[in-house]
């Protein structure tokens, strides 16, 4: 079975997908396409779910990193032996090796440099994007022979501005690093709260790294407001759940 997933027109030249809850074998609160090995789900179910994603992309292998909300981007040439390394962006030039980014509200971004034949998958939570993970991924692609100006990017389903409620502390942390980022916040209905357009912040950082705005696409989807379609950490907390599943966004150069 090929799990349902969203695609971005900007990435039509490469195998990719933004996968949500549907099309997997997990049960209970992880139902059904949970791809997070770090969850409390049955490891066999997670392995089957990940293999369904791999097959959907026609890839030989699928790899994800141990994500820590860092600015570390890693070049990958083969599947990891043993535990995955810590990183929040993966880049490769190897056909058939699918790269995935796991998330349950955080922004994910898939990258494709068509001339240099490089792909990347980025997990960009608000901490990681503030630390520079998007810029680090673009820099690594350029280091490997790509050009930021040729990059095609797609932003996946995530916590969107209408639902991303934050406090004064987060506003201060973001604007303390980037004063111009104040424009990505607006008052929330709740007193003392703000709504954060993290997707717009991500676009801004990609453009600052040299990506052409015309090359940045967005497949849409808010994880918190549609927990029937997407795993959401915040939704799980509201429900009092003990754990939560992870969505996966993945990309691969054709093995053919």
C-alpha atoms as a PDB file:
ATOM      1  CA  UNK A   1       0.000   0.000   0.000  1.00  0.00           C
ATOM      2  CA  UNK A   2       1.241   3.495  -0.844  1.00  0.00           C
ATOM      3  CA  UNK A   3       0.349   5.829   2.035  1.00  0.00           C
ATOM      4  CA  UNK A   4      -1.409   9.074   1.081  1.00  0.00           C
ATOM      5  CA  UNK A   5       0.925  12.036   0.910  1.00  0.00           C
ATOM      6  CA  UNK A   6       1.178  15.554  -0.412  1.00  0.00           C
ATOM      7  CA  UNK A   7       3.529  16.626  -3.169  1.00  0.00           C
ATOM      8  CA  UNK A   8       4.890  20.020  -4.170  1.00  0.00           C
ATOM      9  CA  UNK A   9       4.816  21.114  -7.795  1.00  0.00           C
ATOM     10  CA  UNK A  10       8.197  22.765  -7.310  1.00  0.00           C
ATOM     11  CA  UNK A  11       9.699  19.325  -6.646  1.00  0.00           C
ATOM     12  CA  UNK A  12       8.074  17.578  -9.594  1.00  0.00           C
ATOM     13  CA  UNK A  13      11.504  16.531 -10.872  1.00  0.00           C
ATOM     14  CA  UNK A  14      12.321  14.382  -7.857  1.00  0.00           C
ATOM     15  CA  UNK A  15      10.617  11.684  -5.758  1.00  0.00           C
ATOM     16  CA  UNK A  16       9.244  13.157  -2.565  1.00  0.00           C
ATOM     17  CA  UNK A  17       6.279  13.246  -0.242  1.00  0.00           C
ATOM     18  CA  UNK A  18       4.858  14.811   2.913  1.00  0.00           C
ATOM     19  CA  UNK A  19       3.275  11.902   4.783  1.00  0.00           C
ATOM     20  CA  UNK A  20       0.738  12.237   7.597  1.00  0.00           C
ATOM     21  CA  UNK A  21      -1.236   9.799   9.723  1.00  0.00           C
ATOM     22  CA  UNK A  22      -2.814   7.644   7.017  1.00  0.00           C
ATOM     23  CA  UNK A  23      -1.757   4.417   5.375  1.00  0.00           C
ATOM     24  CA  UNK A  24       0.178   2.693   8.140  1.00  0.00           C
ATOM     25  CA  UNK A  25      -0.167  -0.195  10.576  1.00  0.00           C
ATOM     26  CA  UNK A  26       0.275   1.415  14.009  1.00  0.00           C
ATOM     27  CA  UNK A  27      -2.610   1.300  16.467  1.00  0.00           C
ATOM     28  CA  UNK A  28      -3.979   3.373  19.295  1.00  0.00           C
ATOM     29  CA  UNK A  29      -2.674   6.890  19.736  1.00  0.00           C
ATOM     30  CA  UNK A  30       0.009   6.185  17.083  1.00  0.00           C
ATOM     31  CA  UNK A  31      -2.550   5.275  14.419  1.00  0.00           C
ATOM     32  CA  UNK A  32      -1.509   4.722  11.713  1.00  0.00           C
ATOM     33  CA  UNK A  33       1.638   5.841   9.794  1.00  0.00           C
ATOM     34  CA  UNK A  34       3.817   6.714  12.770  1.00  0.00           C
ATOM     35  CA  UNK A  35       7.407   6.881  11.494  1.00  0.00           C
ATOM     36  CA  UNK A  36       9.087   7.914  14.739  1.00  0.00           C
ATOM     37  CA  UNK A  37      11.375   5.262  16.152  1.00  0.00           C
ATOM     38  CA  UNK A  38      11.721   7.438  19.265  1.00  0.00           C
ATOM     39  CA  UNK A  39       8.043   7.023  20.134  1.00  0.00           C
ATOM     40  CA  UNK A  40       6.559   4.369  22.413  1.00  0.00           C
ATOM     41  CA  UNK A  41       5.030   2.612  19.419  1.00  0.00           C
ATOM     42  CA  UNK A  42       5.697  -1.029  18.509  1.00  0.00           C
ATOM     43  CA  UNK A  43       9.106  -0.983  16.749  1.00  0.00           C
ATOM     44  CA  UNK A  44       7.886  -3.514  14.200  1.00  0.00           C
ATOM     45  CA  UNK A  45       4.967  -1.256  13.265  1.00  0.00           C
ATOM     46  CA  UNK A  46       7.262   1.764  12.915  1.00  0.00           C
ATOM     47  CA  UNK A  47       9.616  -0.264  10.721  1.00  0.00           C
ATOM     48  CA  UNK A  48       6.740  -1.316   8.462  1.00  0.00           C
ATOM     49  CA  UNK A  49       5.460   2.258   8.243  1.00  0.00           C
ATOM     50  CA  UNK A  50       8.881   3.554   7.275  1.00  0.00           C
ATOM     51  CA  UNK A  51       9.237   0.814   4.698  1.00  0.00           C
ATOM     52  CA  UNK A  52       5.936   1.861   3.136  1.00  0.00           C
ATOM     53  CA  UNK A  53       7.308   5.385   2.792  1.00  0.00           C
ATOM     54  CA  UNK A  54      10.511   4.037   1.259  1.00  0.00           C
ATOM     55  CA  UNK A  55       8.559   1.996  -1.271  1.00  0.00           C
ATOM     56  CA  UNK A  56       6.332   4.976  -2.099  1.00  0.00           C
ATOM     57  CA  UNK A  57       9.461   6.870  -3.125  1.00  0.00           C
ATOM     58  CA  UNK A  58      10.942   3.939  -5.044  1.00  0.00           C
ATOM     59  CA  UNK A  59      14.044   4.170  -2.855  1.00  0.00           C
ATOM     60  CA  UNK A  60      16.482   1.491  -1.750  1.00  0.00           C
ATOM     61  CA  UNK A  61      16.771   2.847   1.796  1.00  0.00           C
ATOM     62  CA  UNK A  62      15.271   5.542   4.019  1.00  0.00           C
ATOM     63  CA  UNK A  63      17.311   7.357   6.669  1.00  0.00           C
ATOM     64  CA  UNK A  64      16.427   9.862   9.368  1.00  0.00           C
ATOM     65  CA  UNK A  65      18.681  11.477  11.970  1.00  0.00           C
ATOM     66  CA  UNK A  66      18.421  11.776  15.729  1.00  0.00           C
ATOM     67  CA  UNK A  67      16.934  15.263  15.731  1.00  0.00           C
ATOM     68  CA  UNK A  68      17.859  17.664  18.525  1.00  0.00           C
ATOM     69  CA  UNK A  69      16.656  21.105  17.298  1.00  0.00           C
ATOM     70  CA  UNK A  70      20.230  21.916  16.303  1.00  0.00           C
ATOM     71  CA  UNK A  71      21.872  23.706  13.379  1.00  0.00           C
ATOM     72  CA  UNK A  72      23.810  20.594  12.337  1.00  0.00           C
ATOM     73  CA  UNK A  73      23.505  19.534   8.698  1.00  0.00           C
ATOM     74  CA  UNK A  74      25.027  16.206   7.680  1.00  0.00           C
ATOM     75  CA  UNK A  75      26.029  14.824   4.272  1.00  0.00           C
ATOM     76  CA  UNK A  76      24.916  11.204   3.899  1.00  0.00           C
ATOM     77  CA  UNK A  77      26.283   8.637   1.454  1.00  0.00           C
ATOM     78  CA  UNK A  78      24.830   5.396   2.811  1.00  0.00           C
ATOM     79  CA  UNK A  79      22.341   4.110   5.389  1.00  0.00           C
ATOM     80  CA  UNK A  80      23.442   4.569   8.980  1.00  0.00           C
ATOM     81  CA  UNK A  81      25.003   1.613  10.764  1.00  0.00           C
ATOM     82  CA  UNK A  82      23.496   1.400  14.236  1.00  0.00           C
ATOM     83  CA  UNK A  83      22.000   4.416  15.965  1.00  0.00           C
ATOM     84  CA  UNK A  84      21.553   7.471  13.718  1.00  0.00           C
ATOM     85  CA  UNK A  85      23.784  10.496  14.301  1.00  0.00           C
ATOM     86  CA  UNK A  86      22.510  13.748  15.753  1.00  0.00           C
ATOM     87  CA  UNK A  87      21.544  16.225  13.030  1.00  0.00           C
ATOM     88  CA  UNK A  88      18.516  18.226  11.909  1.00  0.00           C
ATOM     89  CA  UNK A  89      19.251  18.342   8.182  1.00  0.00           C
ATOM     90  CA  UNK A  90      20.437  15.616   5.841  1.00  0.00           C
ATOM     91  CA  UNK A  91      21.826  16.078   2.319  1.00  0.00           C
ATOM     92  CA  UNK A  92      22.826  13.492  -0.278  1.00  0.00           C
ATOM     93  CA  UNK A  93      23.745  13.025  -3.922  1.00  0.00           C
ATOM     94  CA  UNK A  94      23.170   9.256  -3.849  1.00  0.00           C
ATOM     95  CA  UNK A  95      20.314   7.937  -5.996  1.00  0.00           C
ATOM     96  CA  UNK A  96      18.028   5.583  -4.160  1.00  0.00           C
ATOM     97  CA  UNK A  97      18.844   6.921  -0.696  1.00  0.00           C
ATOM     98  CA  UNK A  98      15.750   8.614   0.721  1.00  0.00           C
ATOM     99  CA  UNK A  99      16.221  11.296   3.358  1.00  0.00           C
ATOM    100  CA  UNK A 100      13.496  11.947   5.891  1.00  0.00           C
ATOM    101  CA  UNK A 101      12.670  14.635   8.442  1.00  0.00           C
ATOM    102  CA  UNK A 102      10.357  13.708  11.324  1.00  0.00           C
ATOM    103  CA  UNK A 103       7.991  16.185  12.943  1.00  0.00           C
ATOM    104  CA  UNK A 104       4.800  16.528  14.956  1.00  0.00           C
ATOM    105  CA  UNK A 105       4.199  20.302  14.647  1.00  0.00           C
ATOM    106  CA  UNK A 106       7.683  21.476  13.626  1.00  0.00           C
ATOM    107  CA  UNK A 107       8.286  22.754  10.117  1.00  0.00           C
ATOM    108  CA  UNK A 108       9.935  20.418   7.629  1.00  0.00           C
ATOM    109  CA  UNK A 109      11.542  21.539   4.379  1.00  0.00           C
ATOM    110  CA  UNK A 110      12.570  19.386   1.419  1.00  0.00           C
ATOM    111  CA  UNK A 111      15.304  20.682  -0.901  1.00  0.00           C
ATOM    112  CA  UNK A 112      16.303  19.830  -4.473  1.00  0.00           C
ATOM    113  CA  UNK A 113      19.165  21.238  -6.520  1.00  0.00           C
ATOM    114  CA  UNK A 114      18.368  19.918 -10.015  1.00  0.00           C
ATOM    115  CA  UNK A 115      21.644  20.759 -11.741  1.00  0.00           C
ATOM    116  CA  UNK A 116      24.016  19.397  -9.096  1.00  0.00           C
ATOM    117  CA  UNK A 117      21.566  16.543  -8.334  1.00  0.00           C
ATOM    118  CA  UNK A 118      21.469  17.086  -4.595  1.00  0.00           C
ATOM    119  CA  UNK A 119      18.541  16.632  -2.229  1.00  0.00           C
ATOM    120  CA  UNK A 120      17.988  17.531   1.407  1.00  0.00           C
ATOM    121  CA  UNK A 121      15.482  17.052   4.217  1.00  0.00           C
ATOM    122  CA  UNK A 122      15.333  19.544   7.083  1.00  0.00           C
ATOM    123  CA  UNK A 123      13.640  19.429  10.480  1.00  0.00           C
ATOM    124  CA  UNK A 124      13.173  23.085  11.418  1.00  0.00           C
ATOM    125  CA  UNK A 125      11.464  23.597  14.726  1.00  0.00           C
ATOM    126  CA  UNK A 126      11.431  27.145  16.007  1.00  0.00           C
ATOM    127  CA  UNK A 127      14.635  26.559  17.989  1.00  0.00           C
ATOM    128  CA  UNK A 128      16.444  24.957  15.073  1.00  0.00           C
ATOM    129  CA  UNK A 129      15.386  27.606  12.597  1.00  0.00           C
ATOM    130  CA  UNK A 130      16.461  30.299  15.046  1.00  0.00           C
ATOM    131  CA  UNK A 131      19.831  28.542  15.429  1.00  0.00           C
ATOM    132  CA  UNK A 132      20.305  28.479  11.640  1.00  0.00           C
ATOM    133  CA  UNK A 133      19.428  24.970  10.465  1.00  0.00           C
ATOM    134  CA  UNK A 134      17.949  26.188   7.180  1.00  0.00           C
ATOM    135  CA  UNK A 135      21.043  28.243   6.373  1.00  0.00           C
ATOM    136  CA  UNK A 136      23.240  25.290   7.371  1.00  0.00           C
ATOM    137  CA  UNK A 137      21.418  22.973   4.965  1.00  0.00           C
ATOM    138  CA  UNK A 138      21.757  25.448   2.100  1.00  0.00           C
ATOM    139  CA  UNK A 139      25.444  25.982   2.911  1.00  0.00           C
ATOM    140  CA  UNK A 140      26.081  22.228   2.853  1.00  0.00           C
ATOM    141  CA  UNK A 141      24.397  21.913  -0.530  1.00  0.00           C
ATOM    142  CA  UNK A 142      26.620  24.684  -1.846  1.00  0.00           C
ATOM    143  CA  UNK A 143      29.674  23.026  -0.309  1.00  0.00           C
ATOM    144  CA  UNK A 144      28.842  19.891  -2.296  1.00  0.00           C
ATOM    145  CA  UNK A 145      28.639  21.782  -5.600  1.00  0.00           C
ATOM    146  CA  UNK A 146      25.120  23.152  -5.576  1.00  0.00           C
ATOM    147  CA  UNK A 147      23.926  26.728  -5.924  1.00  0.00           C
ATOM    148  CA  UNK A 148      21.448  28.323  -3.537  1.00  0.00           C
ATOM    149  CA  UNK A 149      19.978  30.291  -6.428  1.00  0.00           C
ATOM    150  CA  UNK A 150      18.954  27.070  -8.163  1.00  0.00           C
ATOM    151  CA  UNK A 151      17.468  25.429  -5.100  1.00  0.00           C
ATOM    152  CA  UNK A 152      13.854  24.313  -5.134  1.00  0.00           C
ATOM    153  CA  UNK A 153      12.270  24.064  -1.689  1.00  0.00           C
ATOM    154  CA  UNK A 154       8.971  22.853  -0.305  1.00  0.00           C
ATOM    155  CA  UNK A 155       7.590  23.480   3.172  1.00  0.00           C
ATOM    156  CA  UNK A 156       5.436  20.752   4.673  1.00  0.00           C
ATOM    157  CA  UNK A 157       2.431  20.614   6.989  1.00  0.00           C
ATOM    158  CA  UNK A 158       3.265  22.083  10.397  1.00  0.00           C
ATOM    159  CA  UNK A 159       1.983  24.339  13.152  1.00  0.00           C
ATOM    160  CA  UNK A 160       0.611  27.340  11.272  1.00  0.00           C
ATOM    161  CA  UNK A 161       0.302  30.968  12.287  1.00  0.00           C
ATOM    162  CA  UNK A 162      -3.380  30.747  13.175  1.00  0.00           C
ATOM    163  CA  UNK A 163      -2.618  28.075  15.790  1.00  0.00           C
ATOM    164  CA  UNK A 164       0.990  28.760  16.851  1.00  0.00           C
ATOM    165  CA  UNK A 165       0.321  30.525  20.143  1.00  0.00           C
ATOM    166  CA  UNK A 166       3.420  31.618  22.066  1.00  0.00           C
ATOM    167  CA  UNK A 167       4.351  33.702  25.076  1.00  0.00           C
ATOM    168  CA  UNK A 168       6.455  36.812  25.506  1.00  0.00           C
ATOM    169  CA  UNK A 169       9.554  34.720  26.214  1.00  0.00           C
ATOM    170  CA  UNK A 170       9.614  33.185  22.740  1.00  0.00           C
ATOM    171  CA  UNK A 171       8.962  36.539  21.091  1.00  0.00           C
ATOM    172  CA  UNK A 172      11.884  38.012  23.014  1.00  0.00           C
ATOM    173  CA  UNK A 173      14.184  35.127  22.099  1.00  0.00           C
ATOM    174  CA  UNK A 174      13.419  35.330  18.389  1.00  0.00           C
ATOM    175  CA  UNK A 175      13.470  39.109  18.098  1.00  0.00           C
ATOM    176  CA  UNK A 176      16.555  39.314  20.291  1.00  0.00           C
ATOM    177  CA  UNK A 177      18.409  37.351  17.609  1.00  0.00           C
ATOM    178  CA  UNK A 178      16.591  38.910  14.644  1.00  0.00           C
ATOM    179  CA  UNK A 179      14.927  42.251  15.471  1.00  0.00           C
ATOM    180  CA  UNK A 180      13.299  42.275  12.032  1.00  0.00           C
ATOM    181  CA  UNK A 181      11.388  39.117  12.939  1.00  0.00           C
ATOM    182  CA  UNK A 182       8.915  41.158  14.977  1.00  0.00           C
ATOM    183  CA  UNK A 183       6.740  41.263  11.856  1.00  0.00           C
ATOM    184  CA  UNK A 184       6.113  37.512  12.153  1.00  0.00           C
ATOM    185  CA  UNK A 185       4.184  37.944  15.413  1.00  0.00           C
ATOM    186  CA  UNK A 186       0.711  39.318  16.023  1.00  0.00           C
ATOM    187  CA  UNK A 187      -1.518  39.450  19.089  1.00  0.00           C
ATOM    188  CA  UNK A 188      -3.424  36.283  19.943  1.00  0.00           C
ATOM    189  CA  UNK A 189      -6.975  36.285  21.338  1.00  0.00           C
ATOM    190  CA  UNK A 190      -5.624  35.181  24.740  1.00  0.00           C
ATOM    191  CA  UNK A 191      -4.168  37.958  26.875  1.00  0.00           C
ATOM    192  CA  UNK A 192      -0.381  38.068  26.880  1.00  0.00           C
ATOM    193  CA  UNK A 193      -0.106  35.632  23.991  1.00  0.00           C
ATOM    194  CA  UNK A 194       1.054  36.008  20.407  1.00  0.00           C
ATOM    195  CA  UNK A 195       0.617  34.089  17.157  1.00  0.00           C
ATOM    196  CA  UNK A 196       3.878  33.195  15.424  1.00  0.00           C
ATOM    197  CA  UNK A 197       4.115  32.814  11.647  1.00  0.00           C
ATOM    198  CA  UNK A 198       7.040  30.420  11.779  1.00  0.00           C
ATOM    199  CA  UNK A 199       6.572  29.435   8.129  1.00  0.00           C
ATOM    200  CA  UNK A 200       7.100  33.042   7.069  1.00  0.00           C
ATOM    201  CA  UNK A 201      10.195  33.162   9.289  1.00  0.00           C
ATOM    202  CA  UNK A 202      11.497  30.032   7.547  1.00  0.00           C
ATOM    203  CA  UNK A 203      10.927  31.542   4.114  1.00  0.00           C
ATOM    204  CA  UNK A 204      12.799  34.643   5.258  1.00  0.00           C
ATOM    205  CA  UNK A 205      15.805  32.608   6.381  1.00  0.00           C
ATOM    206  CA  UNK A 206      15.868  30.595   3.141  1.00  0.00           C
ATOM    207  CA  UNK A 207      15.826  33.800   1.120  1.00  0.00           C
ATOM    208  CA  UNK A 208      18.607  35.224   3.308  1.00  0.00           C
ATOM    209  CA  UNK A 209      20.642  32.108   2.468  1.00  0.00           C
ATOM    210  CA  UNK A 210      20.310  32.878  -1.239  1.00  0.00           C
ATOM    211  CA  UNK A 211      17.252  30.869  -2.255  1.00  0.00           C
ATOM    212  CA  UNK A 212      15.102  32.494  -4.935  1.00  0.00           C
ATOM    213  CA  UNK A 213      11.657  33.263  -3.432  1.00  0.00           C
ATOM    214  CA  UNK A 214      10.098  31.838  -6.607  1.00  0.00           C
ATOM    215  CA  UNK A 215      11.710  28.507  -5.793  1.00  0.00           C
ATOM    216  CA  UNK A 216      10.014  28.155  -2.395  1.00  0.00           C
ATOM    217  CA  UNK A 217       6.712  26.261  -2.323  1.00  0.00           C
ATOM    218  CA  UNK A 218       4.358  25.395   0.522  1.00  0.00           C
ATOM    219  CA  UNK A 219       2.047  22.357   0.495  1.00  0.00           C
ATOM    220  CA  UNK A 220      -0.011  23.784   3.380  1.00  0.00           C
ATOM    221  CA  UNK A 221      -1.698  21.961   6.224  1.00  0.00           C
ATOM    222  CA  UNK A 222      -1.847  22.775   9.936  1.00  0.00           C
ATOM    223  CA  UNK A 223      -0.945  19.859  12.184  1.00  0.00           C
ATOM    224  CA  UNK A 224      -2.663  21.184  15.304  1.00  0.00           C
ATOM    225  CA  UNK A 225      -5.996  22.047  13.715  1.00  0.00           C
ATOM    226  CA  UNK A 226      -6.206  18.785  11.732  1.00  0.00           C
ATOM    227  CA  UNK A 227      -4.969  16.052  14.091  1.00  0.00           C
ATOM    228  CA  UNK A 228      -7.053  13.586  12.078  1.00  0.00           C
ATOM    229  CA  UNK A 229      -4.603  14.046   9.187  1.00  0.00           C
ATOM    230  CA  UNK A 230      -1.334  14.866  10.954  1.00  0.00           C
ATOM    231  CA  UNK A 231       0.379  13.895  14.170  1.00  0.00           C
ATOM    232  CA  UNK A 232       0.607  16.881  16.505  1.00  0.00           C
ATOM    233  CA  UNK A 233       2.541  17.183  19.755  1.00  0.00           C
ATOM    234  CA  UNK A 234       0.366  20.061  20.941  1.00  0.00           C
ATOM    235  CA  UNK A 235      -2.827  18.177  20.118  1.00  0.00           C
ATOM    236  CA  UNK A 236      -1.579  15.165  22.086  1.00  0.00           C
ATOM    237  CA  UNK A 237      -0.855  17.388  25.091  1.00  0.00           C
ATOM    238  CA  UNK A 238      -4.344  18.872  24.941  1.00  0.00           C
ATOM    239  CA  UNK A 239      -5.784  15.357  24.908  1.00  0.00           C
ATOM    240  CA  UNK A 240      -3.635  14.260  27.839  1.00  0.00           C
ATOM    241  CA  UNK A 241      -2.027  11.517  25.742  1.00  0.00           C
ATOM    242  CA  UNK A 242       1.122   9.852  27.041  1.00  0.00           C
ATOM    243  CA  UNK A 243       2.920   9.913  23.675  1.00  0.00           C
ATOM    244  CA  UNK A 244       2.489  11.009  20.065  1.00  0.00           C
ATOM    245  CA  UNK A 245       3.329   9.847  16.569  1.00  0.00           C
ATOM    246  CA  UNK A 246       5.621  11.530  14.063  1.00  0.00           C
ATOM    247  CA  UNK A 247       4.910  12.595  10.496  1.00  0.00           C
ATOM    248  CA  UNK A 248       7.657  12.163   7.937  1.00  0.00           C
ATOM    249  CA  UNK A 249       8.657  14.326   4.975  1.00  0.00           C
ATOM    250  CA  UNK A 250      11.018  12.508   2.634  1.00  0.00           C
ATOM    251  CA  UNK A 251      12.864  12.974  -0.644  1.00  0.00           C
ATOM    252  CA  UNK A 252      15.030  10.784  -2.898  1.00  0.00           C
ATOM    253  CA  UNK A 253      16.862  10.976  -6.170  1.00  0.00           C
ATOM    254  CA  UNK A 254      15.638   8.265  -8.516  1.00  0.00           C
ATOM    255  CA  UNK A 255      17.592   5.017  -8.299  1.00  0.00           C
ATOM    256  CA  UNK A 256      16.930   4.316 -11.984  1.00  0.00           C
END
